[in-house]
Amino acid sequence: MKQKKTFIMLLALVMVLSVFLQACSGGGNSEKPTNAAAETNGEKSPEPDKATNAPAEEPKLEPYEVSIVYFGTPQEDDALIEEKLNEFFKEKINATVSLQPIASSDYKNRTELMMNTGEKMDLVFSASWLNFFGNASKGAYLELDELLEKHGQGIKERINPLYLEAPRLKGKLYAVPTNKEITQGKAFTYRKDIVEKYSIPIDSINKVQDLEPWYEKMKKDEPEMINQYVAGGSGNFGGGFMMYETNSNLRPIGPTPAKTPMFLIDYKALDMKVKSVLDPEVVELNKNEIEMFRSFYEKGYINSDAGTSTTDIGELRKQGKIWMQSATWKPGADIEAQIADNNQYEYVSHVVEEPIVTTDLAAGSMFAISRTSKDPDRAMMVLNYLHTDPYVVNLFVNGIEGKHYKKVGDNRIEPIADSGYGKTALFWVVGNQMINYLKPGQPDDLYINWEKFNNEATRFPLMGFVFDDAKVKNEITQITAVVTEYKSIFTGAVKDPSKLLEERNKKLKTAGLEKVQAELQSQIDVWWAENKK
């Protein structure tokens, strides 16, 4: 019996030593095989015992180049910025980037050609005003909800949730907006020295009509200045003056042929009934405005070349020819105007229209991921860093410290003139503007004020609604042609504008405006029933 027990103990010891020697026979190689399949049925090996505390090993990322196609004029030192970004991304996610800036005048045509030809792209700048929704509906961009969940948690933690309601089609997310001001109010912006010189009570001036006494005074006392600049040749009516300037609750909705609002919603009525430019109420508003513009033109308050001028109002400001203009407003807008004018003049503004968060505004600056991307996960990783890492986004936006700017505070810089980078305004294009360095003149609390501005802005009831024009494309094409033919009636430069307005409206009706309105109303009714909050 004793011999038998001894034999069993020796057998057990031999088995333990056998297992130990087999485990050591790997020659010290501790690497785990990736995607190893089991010998039977081709199934993957079972997962490690979750009771152990050993962390799961991350799969190694293969090298990949993420192309970034963006809205901006190419700059002398783009290659240097690309090199520095590559140093960062190689270390973090084994990726490099290819910066592909395209000038504003070419951007829409170039990028749509790239989409149509299936050119390989990864991150692509887009916006509501660059036909984002049309391109998304054609399948140019990938759905991003899962990618954002996997690799964009930093984005989700920082961006206002309203932003992520805007770039959606049928509930699916197709872009990530730049984190900046979510909306803009409408304001009258004045040169501060002129306001002080003539004691202009800007807080009581809320409509264009209220400006007429001051136009008269400026024409007499400051004859070299333009009271109301109109660039009709570029479609920039009034240098920022909007149609339906009435302080009413009407806001544009749906298609805007030739950048002209054709359909409107009273955002406070909550009945979501669409009015068109053929509605008697809107016709009356239009008549009042165009007659006012005509009167101003005849009195010399509007520039004489209003029907044909294409000069940007910013250039005229720098020349000292503009003392006031209608402009979009956000905290810091007056400082931005001052900087844009090379600090020649200070500006003060009075907000005359409530800031409202609309789909178009919230989708006004974004990055999508192209359907031709070979590694959408890596593209989202890069985008997440552009929203969360101050070094990365400031390198992209402002360049290299010591070469393109001087650091003069923890979060403040002074750009170096003619340095080879920084002339193109990328701060509103790329990633998260809330972590951009501040520049001379910008207040320390700028981004705090932006956050407050975003949180307090009124949400448009149809936020997230996108019109599908598939059933009325032909009508919209015809309407666009009519609007383009008659755009001069809003410049003040044509005689008898009310008669021309009547002609236009008859042609709009023939072109199918009412059919488009009915389709728009039908889609809004369905959307409102499903999304009313």
Protein backbone atom coordinates (compact mmCIF):
# COMPACT_ATOMS: atom_id res chain seq x y z
CA MET A 1 0.00 0.00 0.00
CA LYS A 2 2.84 2.32 0.88
CA GLN A 3 4.56 1.60 -2.47
CA LYS A 4 1.36 2.40 -4.33
CA LYS A 5 1.04 5.85 -2.64
CA THR A 6 4.68 6.61 -3.42
CA PHE A 7 4.13 5.73 -7.09
CA ILE A 8 1.08 8.05 -7.33
CA MET A 9 2.99 10.99 -5.79
CA LEU A 10 5.89 10.49 -8.21
CA LEU A 11 3.49 10.38 -11.16
CA ALA A 12 1.83 13.64 -10.05
CA LEU A 13 5.23 15.36 -9.70
CA VAL A 14 6.23 14.26 -13.22
CA MET A 15 3.00 15.73 -14.66
CA VAL A 16 3.51 19.11 -12.90
CA LEU A 17 7.11 19.31 -14.18
CA SER A 18 5.91 18.46 -17.68
CA VAL A 19 3.39 21.31 -17.70
CA PHE A 20 5.98 23.74 -16.28
CA LEU A 21 8.59 22.85 -18.91
CA GLN A 22 6.02 23.19 -21.72
CA ALA A 23 5.10 26.69 -20.51
CA CYS A 24 8.75 27.70 -20.51
CA SER A 25 9.56 26.29 -23.93
CA GLY A 26 8.59 29.55 -25.70
CA GLY A 27 12.10 30.91 -25.29
CA GLY A 28 10.94 34.00 -23.30
CA ASN A 29 8.55 35.20 -26.07
CA SER A 30 5.61 36.78 -24.17
CA GLU A 31 3.75 38.17 -27.19
CA LYS A 32 0.17 37.00 -27.66
CA PRO A 33 -0.97 35.86 -31.09
CA THR A 34 -3.49 38.27 -32.59
CA ASN A 35 -6.75 36.96 -34.04
CA ALA A 36 -5.58 33.38 -33.36
CA ALA A 37 -8.18 30.82 -34.36
CA ALA A 38 -8.94 27.63 -32.45
CA GLU A 39 -7.98 24.33 -34.05
CA THR A 40 -11.60 23.23 -34.22
CA ASN A 41 -14.34 24.78 -36.37
CA GLY A 42 -12.17 27.84 -37.14
CA GLU A 43 -13.54 29.60 -34.03
CA LYS A 44 -11.53 32.21 -32.16
CA SER A 45 -9.77 31.18 -28.97
CA PRO A 46 -11.82 31.72 -25.83
CA GLU A 47 -11.37 35.07 -24.07
CA PRO A 48 -9.00 35.12 -21.08
CA ASP A 49 -10.50 34.44 -17.69
CA LYS A 50 -12.17 37.73 -16.66
CA ALA A 51 -11.53 36.85 -13.02
CA THR A 52 -7.87 37.71 -13.53
CA ASN A 53 -6.80 41.37 -13.29
CA ALA A 54 -4.59 41.28 -16.38
CA PRO A 55 -5.71 44.08 -18.78
CA ALA A 56 -6.67 43.08 -22.33
CA GLU A 57 -3.89 43.93 -24.76
CA GLU A 58 -4.79 46.65 -27.30
CA PRO A 59 -4.44 45.55 -30.92
CA LYS A 60 -1.57 47.27 -32.66
CA LEU A 61 -2.71 49.92 -35.17
CA GLU A 62 -1.25 49.69 -38.64
CA PRO A 63 0.19 52.92 -40.14
CA TYR A 64 -2.43 55.08 -41.83
CA GLU A 65 -2.53 58.55 -43.41
CA VAL A 66 -5.62 60.62 -42.57
CA SER A 67 -6.34 63.24 -45.23
CA ILE A 68 -7.92 66.45 -43.96
CA VAL A 69 -9.69 68.46 -46.67
CA TYR A 70 -10.57 71.86 -45.30
CA PHE A 71 -11.78 75.37 -46.12
CA GLY A 72 -8.71 77.60 -46.17
CA THR A 73 -6.19 79.23 -48.46
CA PRO A 74 -2.94 77.21 -48.75
CA GLN A 75 -0.14 78.77 -46.70
CA GLU A 76 3.63 78.85 -47.06
CA ASP A 77 4.33 76.71 -44.00
CA ASP A 78 1.57 74.11 -44.37
CA ALA A 79 4.24 71.40 -44.76
CA LEU A 80 5.88 72.36 -41.46
CA ILE A 81 2.54 72.17 -39.64
CA GLU A 82 1.85 68.80 -41.24
CA GLU A 83 5.26 67.53 -40.10
CA LYS A 84 4.62 68.58 -36.49
CA LEU A 85 1.13 67.06 -36.50
CA ASN A 86 2.61 63.83 -37.82
CA GLU A 87 5.08 63.66 -34.93
CA PHE A 88 2.14 63.86 -32.54
CA PHE A 89 -0.22 61.45 -34.29
CA LYS A 90 2.47 58.82 -34.99
CA GLU A 91 3.11 58.57 -31.27
CA LYS A 92 -0.54 58.59 -30.25
CA ILE A 93 -2.33 56.49 -32.89
CA ASN A 94 0.36 55.46 -35.42
CA ALA A 95 -1.12 57.84 -38.00
CA THR A 96 0.03 60.68 -40.19
CA VAL A 97 -2.09 63.44 -41.70
CA SER A 98 -2.23 65.00 -45.14
CA LEU A 99 -3.35 68.63 -44.98
CA GLN A 100 -5.36 69.60 -48.06
CA PRO A 101 -6.51 73.24 -47.81
CA ILE A 102 -8.71 74.57 -50.61
CA ALA A 103 -9.38 78.28 -51.13
CA SER A 104 -12.94 79.46 -50.45
CA SER A 105 -13.64 80.38 -54.08
CA ASP A 106 -12.88 76.81 -55.23
CA TYR A 107 -13.95 74.79 -52.23
CA LYS A 108 -17.50 73.73 -53.07
CA ASN A 109 -16.79 72.80 -56.70
CA ARG A 110 -13.51 71.02 -55.92
CA THR A 111 -14.83 68.93 -53.06
CA GLU A 112 -18.00 67.91 -54.88
CA LEU A 113 -15.89 66.83 -57.85
CA MET A 114 -13.74 64.76 -55.47
CA MET A 115 -16.88 63.15 -54.05
CA ASN A 116 -18.33 62.42 -57.48
CA THR A 117 -15.12 60.78 -58.72
CA GLY A 118 -14.71 58.69 -55.56
CA GLU A 119 -11.36 60.19 -54.59
CA LYS A 120 -9.97 58.84 -51.32
CA MET A 121 -10.67 61.33 -48.51
CA ASP A 122 -11.01 61.04 -44.75
CA LEU A 123 -12.00 64.20 -42.85
CA VAL A 124 -13.85 66.70 -45.04
CA PHE A 125 -14.96 70.18 -43.98
CA SER A 126 -18.61 70.79 -44.76
CA ALA A 127 -21.43 73.14 -43.80
CA SER A 128 -25.11 73.79 -44.38
CA TRP A 129 -24.10 76.52 -46.85
CA LEU A 130 -21.85 74.06 -48.73
CA ASN A 131 -24.73 71.68 -49.58
CA PHE A 132 -23.91 69.40 -46.66
CA PHE A 133 -27.40 67.91 -46.45
CA GLY A 134 -27.57 67.32 -50.20
CA ASN A 135 -24.20 65.58 -50.18
CA ALA A 136 -25.11 63.52 -47.12
CA SER A 137 -28.37 62.38 -48.73
CA LYS A 138 -26.38 61.23 -51.79
CA GLY A 139 -24.19 59.03 -49.59
CA ALA A 140 -21.03 61.14 -49.71
CA TYR A 141 -20.49 60.87 -45.93
CA LEU A 142 -20.52 58.04 -43.41
CA GLU A 143 -22.89 57.69 -40.47
CA LEU A 144 -20.99 58.70 -37.33
CA ASP A 145 -23.04 57.67 -34.30
CA GLU A 146 -21.09 54.46 -33.63
CA LEU A 147 -17.74 56.03 -34.48
CA LEU A 148 -18.45 58.94 -32.14
CA GLU A 149 -19.37 56.51 -29.37
CA LYS A 150 -16.17 54.47 -29.90
CA HIS A 151 -13.59 57.21 -30.49
CA GLY A 152 -15.27 60.56 -29.83
CA GLN A 153 -16.07 60.61 -26.13
CA GLY A 154 -13.95 63.73 -25.70
CA ILE A 155 -16.08 65.48 -28.31
CA LYS A 156 -19.30 64.43 -26.59
CA GLU A 157 -18.04 65.69 -23.23
CA ARG A 158 -17.22 69.16 -24.57
CA ILE A 159 -19.70 70.06 -27.29
CA ASN A 160 -23.16 71.50 -26.67
CA PRO A 161 -25.65 68.65 -27.32
CA LEU A 162 -27.68 70.95 -29.57
CA TYR A 163 -24.83 70.83 -32.08
CA LEU A 164 -25.30 67.10 -32.51
CA GLU A 165 -29.00 67.54 -33.31
CA ALA A 166 -28.26 69.57 -36.44
CA PRO A 167 -26.21 67.43 -38.89
CA ARG A 168 -28.64 64.51 -38.96
CA LEU A 169 -30.63 62.85 -41.71
CA LYS A 170 -33.40 60.45 -40.70
CA GLY A 171 -31.96 60.43 -37.20
CA LYS A 172 -28.41 59.49 -38.25
CA LEU A 173 -25.41 61.75 -37.52
CA TYR A 174 -23.25 62.63 -40.54
CA ALA A 175 -20.85 65.32 -39.24
CA VAL A 176 -19.32 66.78 -36.08
CA PRO A 177 -19.66 70.58 -35.80
CA THR A 178 -16.83 72.87 -34.82
CA ASN A 179 -17.22 73.81 -31.16
CA LYS A 180 -17.72 77.57 -31.24
CA GLU A 181 -20.66 79.95 -30.84
CA ILE A 182 -23.76 77.90 -31.62
CA THR A 183 -25.78 80.81 -32.97
CA GLN A 184 -25.52 84.48 -33.85
CA GLY A 185 -27.80 87.39 -33.16
CA LYS A 186 -28.45 90.22 -35.57
CA ALA A 187 -27.04 93.58 -34.55
CA PHE A 188 -26.37 97.07 -35.78
CA THR A 189 -22.63 97.62 -35.41
CA TYR A 190 -21.20 101.16 -35.26
CA ARG A 191 -17.83 102.81 -35.23
CA LYS A 192 -17.39 103.89 -31.64
CA ASP A 193 -15.78 107.25 -32.48
CA ILE A 194 -18.76 108.25 -34.65
CA VAL A 195 -21.27 107.23 -31.97
CA GLU A 196 -19.44 109.34 -29.40
CA LYS A 197 -18.90 112.29 -31.75
CA TYR A 198 -22.63 112.61 -32.58
CA SER A 199 -24.11 111.13 -29.37
CA ILE A 200 -26.06 108.53 -31.34
CA PRO A 201 -28.54 106.67 -29.05
CA ILE A 202 -27.79 103.23 -30.46
CA ASP A 203 -29.83 101.34 -27.84
CA SER A 204 -33.04 102.92 -29.15
CA ILE A 205 -32.33 102.11 -32.82
CA ASN A 206 -33.96 98.75 -33.52
CA LYS A 207 -35.01 98.91 -37.19
CA VAL A 208 -33.46 100.23 -40.36
CA GLN A 209 -36.18 102.89 -40.49
CA ASP A 210 -34.87 104.25 -37.16
CA LEU A 211 -31.57 105.04 -38.84
CA GLU A 212 -32.93 107.48 -41.41
CA PRO A 213 -32.41 110.67 -39.33
CA TRP A 214 -28.81 109.62 -38.77
CA TYR A 215 -28.32 108.78 -42.43
CA GLU A 216 -29.42 112.32 -43.22
CA LYS A 217 -27.01 113.79 -40.67
CA MET A 218 -24.07 111.67 -41.83
CA LYS A 219 -24.67 112.59 -45.45
CA LYS A 220 -24.38 116.23 -44.47
CA ASP A 221 -21.57 116.04 -41.90
CA GLU A 222 -19.60 112.98 -43.12
CA PRO A 223 -20.16 113.02 -46.90
CA GLU A 224 -17.25 110.68 -47.66
CA MET A 225 -19.00 107.85 -45.80
CA ILE A 226 -21.57 105.38 -47.15
CA ASN A 227 -24.63 105.16 -44.96
CA GLN A 228 -26.02 101.85 -46.22
CA TYR A 229 -23.72 99.80 -48.38
CA VAL A 230 -25.33 97.39 -50.85
CA ALA A 231 -23.31 94.87 -52.87
CA GLY A 232 -26.04 93.76 -55.25
CA GLY A 233 -23.59 92.28 -57.70
CA SER A 234 -22.63 89.61 -55.16
CA GLY A 235 -26.10 89.15 -53.74
CA ASN A 236 -25.02 90.70 -50.42
CA PHE A 237 -28.02 92.95 -50.10
CA GLY A 238 -27.36 95.82 -47.76
CA GLY A 239 -23.94 94.61 -46.68
CA GLY A 240 -25.68 92.34 -44.21
CA PHE A 241 -29.16 93.87 -44.10
CA MET A 242 -31.63 91.03 -44.19
CA MET A 243 -34.94 90.96 -45.96
CA TYR A 244 -38.01 90.95 -43.69
CA GLU A 245 -36.24 93.47 -41.45
CA THR A 246 -39.30 94.02 -39.28
CA ASN A 247 -38.38 92.65 -35.85
CA SER A 248 -41.10 90.07 -36.48
CA ASN A 249 -41.04 86.45 -35.37
CA LEU A 250 -40.72 85.14 -38.92
CA ARG A 251 -37.66 83.00 -39.64
CA PRO A 252 -36.60 81.26 -42.88
CA ILE A 253 -37.25 77.54 -43.29
CA GLY A 254 -36.72 75.13 -46.16
CA PRO A 255 -34.98 75.86 -49.46
CA THR A 256 -33.47 79.30 -50.11
CA PRO A 257 -33.07 79.56 -53.92
CA ALA A 258 -30.21 81.91 -54.82
CA LYS A 259 -29.71 82.43 -51.06
CA THR A 260 -33.11 84.12 -50.84
CA PRO A 261 -35.68 83.11 -48.19
CA MET A 262 -38.88 81.94 -49.90
CA PHE A 263 -40.60 80.27 -46.93
CA LEU A 264 -40.97 81.39 -43.34
CA ILE A 265 -42.23 80.15 -39.96
CA ASP A 266 -43.43 82.20 -36.99
CA TYR A 267 -41.20 80.49 -34.45
CA LYS A 268 -43.27 81.68 -31.47
CA ALA A 269 -46.67 80.62 -32.82
CA LEU A 270 -45.85 76.91 -32.48
CA ASP A 271 -48.40 75.95 -35.14
CA MET A 272 -45.58 75.39 -37.64
CA LYS A 273 -47.57 76.84 -40.54
CA VAL A 274 -45.39 77.76 -43.50
CA LYS A 275 -45.81 81.15 -45.13
CA SER A 276 -44.31 81.97 -48.52
CA VAL A 277 -43.33 85.17 -50.28
CA LEU A 278 -46.75 84.98 -51.98
CA ASP A 279 -48.55 85.24 -48.62
CA PRO A 280 -50.25 88.68 -48.32
CA GLU A 281 -48.47 89.41 -45.03
CA VAL A 282 -45.04 88.70 -46.51
CA VAL A 283 -45.84 90.55 -49.75
CA GLU A 284 -46.62 93.62 -47.67
CA LEU A 285 -43.35 93.29 -45.77
CA ASN A 286 -41.45 92.98 -49.03
CA LYS A 287 -43.13 96.03 -50.54
CA ASN A 288 -42.38 98.15 -47.50
CA GLU A 289 -38.72 97.15 -47.56
CA ILE A 290 -38.04 97.64 -51.24
CA GLU A 291 -39.80 101.01 -51.24
CA MET A 292 -37.70 102.02 -48.23
CA PHE A 293 -34.51 100.94 -50.02
CA ARG A 294 -35.58 102.84 -53.13
CA SER A 295 -36.19 105.96 -51.05
CA PHE A 296 -32.76 105.64 -49.42
CA TYR A 297 -31.13 105.20 -52.82
CA GLU A 298 -32.81 108.31 -54.22
CA LYS A 299 -31.73 110.32 -51.18
CA GLY A 300 -28.12 109.19 -51.62
CA TYR A 301 -27.95 107.04 -48.50
CA ILE A 302 -27.11 103.92 -50.54
CA ASN A 303 -24.03 103.68 -52.77
CA SER A 304 -24.75 104.61 -56.38
CA ASP A 305 -23.32 101.32 -57.75
CA ALA A 306 -25.55 99.20 -55.49
CA GLY A 307 -26.86 97.09 -58.37
CA THR A 308 -23.44 95.96 -59.58
CA SER A 309 -20.89 96.39 -56.79
CA THR A 310 -19.02 93.28 -55.61
CA THR A 311 -16.68 95.00 -53.15
CA ASP A 312 -16.57 93.39 -49.72
CA ILE A 313 -17.83 95.72 -47.01
CA GLY A 314 -14.78 94.86 -44.90
CA GLU A 315 -12.51 96.55 -47.41
CA LEU A 316 -14.62 99.70 -47.22
CA ARG A 317 -14.48 99.63 -43.42
CA LYS A 318 -10.69 99.61 -43.57
CA GLN A 319 -10.87 102.68 -45.83
CA GLY A 320 -12.95 104.51 -43.21
CA LYS A 321 -16.04 104.66 -45.44
CA ILE A 322 -18.46 102.67 -43.25
CA TRP A 323 -19.75 104.06 -39.97
CA MET A 324 -22.42 101.41 -39.34
CA GLN A 325 -23.66 98.15 -40.75
CA SER A 326 -26.04 95.33 -40.01
CA ALA A 327 -24.00 92.35 -38.85
CA THR A 328 -24.20 89.04 -37.07
CA TRP A 329 -23.27 89.26 -33.41
CA LYS A 330 -21.79 87.06 -30.70
CA PRO A 331 -19.70 87.88 -27.63
CA GLY A 332 -16.42 89.31 -28.91
CA ALA A 333 -17.78 90.24 -32.36
CA ASP A 334 -16.85 93.91 -31.93
CA ILE A 335 -13.26 92.97 -31.08
CA GLU A 336 -13.12 90.67 -34.11
CA ALA A 337 -14.22 93.54 -36.36
CA GLN A 338 -11.57 95.79 -34.81
CA ILE A 339 -8.85 93.18 -35.40
CA ALA A 340 -10.09 92.60 -38.97
CA ASP A 341 -9.67 96.34 -39.60
CA ASN A 342 -6.07 96.26 -38.34
CA ASN A 343 -7.16 97.97 -35.10
CA GLN A 344 -7.90 101.24 -36.90
CA TYR A 345 -11.33 101.60 -35.31
CA GLU A 346 -13.24 100.39 -32.26
CA TYR A 347 -16.81 99.12 -32.64
CA VAL A 348 -19.94 98.93 -30.51
CA SER A 349 -23.08 96.95 -31.27
CA HIS A 350 -26.74 96.85 -30.32
CA VAL A 351 -28.49 93.50 -30.78
CA VAL A 352 -31.78 93.97 -32.63
CA GLU A 353 -32.86 90.36 -33.23
CA GLU A 354 -33.02 87.50 -30.75
CA PRO A 355 -30.31 84.85 -31.25
CA ILE A 356 -31.93 81.55 -32.23
CA VAL A 357 -30.30 78.15 -32.66
CA THR A 358 -31.36 76.85 -36.07
CA THR A 359 -30.31 73.77 -38.00
CA ASP A 360 -28.44 75.86 -40.57
CA LEU A 361 -26.51 77.86 -37.95
CA ALA A 362 -25.58 74.84 -35.83
CA ALA A 363 -24.45 73.08 -39.01
CA GLY A 364 -22.47 76.07 -40.25
CA SER A 365 -18.97 74.61 -39.72
CA MET A 366 -18.32 70.86 -39.47
CA PHE A 367 -16.17 67.89 -40.38
CA ALA A 368 -17.65 64.79 -41.98
CA ILE A 369 -15.93 61.50 -42.80
CA SER A 370 -15.98 60.61 -46.47
CA ARG A 371 -17.46 57.31 -47.61
CA THR A 372 -14.14 56.77 -49.45
CA SER A 373 -12.13 56.72 -46.20
CA LYS A 374 -10.13 53.50 -45.78
CA ASP A 375 -10.00 53.83 -41.99
CA PRO A 376 -12.97 55.82 -40.56
CA ASP A 377 -11.98 54.82 -37.01
CA ARG A 378 -8.61 56.55 -37.35
CA ALA A 379 -10.27 59.62 -38.89
CA MET A 380 -12.56 59.92 -35.87
CA MET A 381 -9.57 59.52 -33.53
CA VAL A 382 -7.86 62.47 -35.24
CA LEU A 383 -11.04 64.54 -35.04
CA ASN A 384 -11.37 63.75 -31.34
CA TYR A 385 -7.85 65.10 -30.71
CA LEU A 386 -8.74 68.27 -32.64
CA HIS A 387 -11.60 68.80 -30.19
CA THR A 388 -9.75 67.93 -26.99
CA ASP A 389 -6.00 68.60 -27.23
CA PRO A 390 -4.94 72.29 -27.03
CA TYR A 391 -1.52 71.55 -28.55
CA VAL A 392 -3.00 69.88 -31.64
CA VAL A 393 -5.73 72.39 -32.41
CA ASN A 394 -3.50 75.42 -31.80
CA LEU A 395 -0.76 73.92 -33.97
CA PHE A 396 -3.31 73.53 -36.77
CA VAL A 397 -4.90 76.97 -36.27
CA ASN A 398 -2.00 79.17 -35.15
CA GLY A 399 1.18 77.36 -36.18
CA ILE A 400 4.45 76.74 -34.32
CA GLU A 401 5.37 78.66 -31.18
CA GLY A 402 8.38 80.91 -31.73
CA LYS A 403 8.05 80.80 -35.50
CA HIS A 404 4.46 81.83 -36.17
CA TYR A 405 3.47 83.33 -32.83
CA LYS A 406 4.88 84.38 -29.46
CA LYS A 407 3.35 83.04 -26.26
CA VAL A 408 2.60 85.99 -23.95
CA GLY A 409 0.47 84.20 -21.37
CA ASP A 410 -0.84 80.79 -20.40
CA ASN A 411 -3.58 81.04 -23.00
CA ARG A 412 -2.60 84.11 -25.01
CA ILE A 413 -0.41 84.69 -28.05
CA GLU A 414 0.78 87.43 -30.36
CA PRO A 415 0.99 86.38 -34.04
CA ILE A 416 4.30 87.07 -35.79
CA ALA A 417 3.70 89.13 -38.93
CA ASP A 418 4.56 87.55 -42.30
CA SER A 419 5.66 84.34 -40.60
CA GLY A 420 4.35 81.95 -43.24
CA TYR A 421 1.31 80.78 -41.32
CA GLY A 422 -1.75 82.31 -39.68
CA LYS A 423 -3.14 84.51 -42.46
CA THR A 424 -6.02 82.12 -43.16
CA ALA A 425 -8.70 82.20 -40.46
CA LEU A 426 -8.94 78.56 -39.38
CA PHE A 427 -10.19 79.16 -35.83
CA TRP A 428 -13.84 78.73 -36.86
CA VAL A 429 -13.07 75.82 -39.20
CA VAL A 430 -11.10 73.31 -37.12
CA GLY A 431 -12.12 71.35 -34.06
CA ASN A 432 -12.74 73.21 -30.82
CA GLN A 433 -12.40 76.98 -30.86
CA MET A 434 -13.00 77.05 -27.10
CA ILE A 435 -9.41 75.84 -26.57
CA ASN A 436 -7.79 78.20 -29.09
CA TYR A 437 -5.25 80.63 -27.74
CA LEU A 438 -6.55 84.16 -27.31
CA LYS A 439 -5.16 86.90 -29.53
CA PRO A 440 -4.53 90.60 -28.86
CA GLY A 441 -7.76 92.41 -28.04
CA GLN A 442 -9.77 89.30 -27.19
CA PRO A 443 -10.99 89.40 -23.56
CA ASP A 444 -9.87 86.76 -21.07
CA ASP A 445 -13.46 85.66 -20.50
CA LEU A 446 -14.34 85.31 -24.22
CA TYR A 447 -14.97 81.58 -24.15
CA ILE A 448 -16.85 81.76 -20.84
CA ASN A 449 -19.16 84.29 -22.46
CA TRP A 450 -19.57 82.06 -25.51
CA GLU A 451 -20.61 79.16 -23.30
CA LYS A 452 -23.18 81.38 -21.60
CA PHE A 453 -24.36 82.71 -24.97
CA ASN A 454 -24.78 79.16 -26.30
CA ASN A 455 -26.63 77.93 -23.22
CA GLU A 456 -29.06 80.85 -23.21
CA ALA A 457 -29.83 80.97 -26.95
CA THR A 458 -33.40 80.19 -27.96
CA ARG A 459 -33.87 76.83 -29.67
CA PHE A 460 -35.76 77.00 -32.98
CA PRO A 461 -38.76 74.63 -32.74
CA LEU A 462 -37.75 72.88 -35.97
CA MET A 463 -34.15 72.38 -34.88
CA GLY A 464 -32.96 69.26 -36.69
CA PHE A 465 -35.54 69.39 -39.48
CA VAL A 466 -34.03 69.03 -42.97
CA PHE A 467 -36.10 69.47 -46.13
CA ASP A 468 -35.91 66.72 -48.75
CA ASP A 469 -36.29 68.38 -52.16
CA ALA A 470 -36.41 65.12 -54.17
CA LYS A 471 -40.02 65.62 -55.28
CA VAL A 472 -39.65 69.30 -56.26
CA LYS A 473 -36.14 69.63 -57.75
CA ASN A 474 -37.47 70.94 -61.06
CA GLU A 475 -39.62 73.57 -59.36
CA ILE A 476 -36.71 74.77 -57.21
CA THR A 477 -34.54 75.10 -60.32
CA GLN A 478 -37.19 77.28 -61.97
CA ILE A 479 -37.72 79.33 -58.81
CA THR A 480 -33.98 79.94 -58.55
CA ALA A 481 -33.92 81.33 -62.08
CA VAL A 482 -36.76 83.74 -61.28
CA VAL A 483 -35.17 84.93 -58.04
CA THR A 484 -31.84 85.54 -59.79
CA GLU A 485 -33.58 87.54 -62.54
CA TYR A 486 -35.23 89.89 -60.04
CA LYS A 487 -32.60 90.15 -57.28
CA SER A 488 -31.93 93.83 -58.09
CA ILE A 489 -35.31 94.90 -56.68
CA PHE A 490 -33.83 94.68 -53.17
CA THR A 491 -30.88 96.98 -53.89
CA GLY A 492 -32.79 100.23 -54.23
CA ALA A 493 -31.17 100.81 -57.62
CA VAL A 494 -34.21 100.01 -59.81
CA LYS A 495 -37.22 102.20 -60.51
CA ASP A 496 -40.73 101.12 -59.50
CA PRO A 497 -39.58 98.10 -57.46
CA SER A 498 -43.14 97.26 -56.33
CA LYS A 499 -44.21 96.68 -59.92
CA LEU A 500 -41.21 94.41 -60.45
CA LEU A 501 -42.07 92.57 -57.24
CA GLU A 502 -45.53 91.81 -58.60
CA GLU A 503 -43.97 90.51 -61.82
CA ARG A 504 -41.59 88.33 -59.86
CA ASN A 505 -44.30 86.87 -57.67
CA LYS A 506 -46.44 85.92 -60.69
CA LYS A 507 -43.46 84.12 -62.20
CA LEU A 508 -42.75 82.40 -58.88
CA LYS A 509 -46.30 81.08 -58.80
CA THR A 510 -45.97 79.79 -62.37
CA ALA A 511 -42.63 78.21 -61.49
CA GLY A 512 -44.30 76.09 -58.80
CA LEU A 513 -43.65 77.94 -55.54
CA GLU A 514 -46.96 76.75 -54.08
CA LYS A 515 -46.12 73.12 -54.87
CA VAL A 516 -42.81 73.47 -53.01
CA GLN A 517 -44.62 75.11 -50.09
CA ALA A 518 -47.11 72.23 -49.89
CA GLU A 519 -44.29 69.66 -49.92
CA LEU A 520 -42.41 71.61 -47.25
CA GLN A 521 -45.53 71.84 -45.08
CA SER A 522 -46.19 68.11 -45.47
CA GLN A 523 -42.68 67.20 -44.33
CA ILE A 524 -42.79 69.64 -41.41
CA ASP A 525 -46.14 68.19 -40.24
CA VAL A 526 -44.67 64.68 -40.17
CA TRP A 527 -41.46 65.82 -38.45
CA TRP A 528 -43.32 67.95 -35.91
CA ALA A 529 -45.64 65.07 -34.95
CA GLU A 530 -42.61 62.88 -34.25
CA ASN A 531 -40.30 65.42 -32.62
CA LYS A 532 -42.45 68.03 -30.86
CA LYS A 533 -40.89 68.93 -27.52
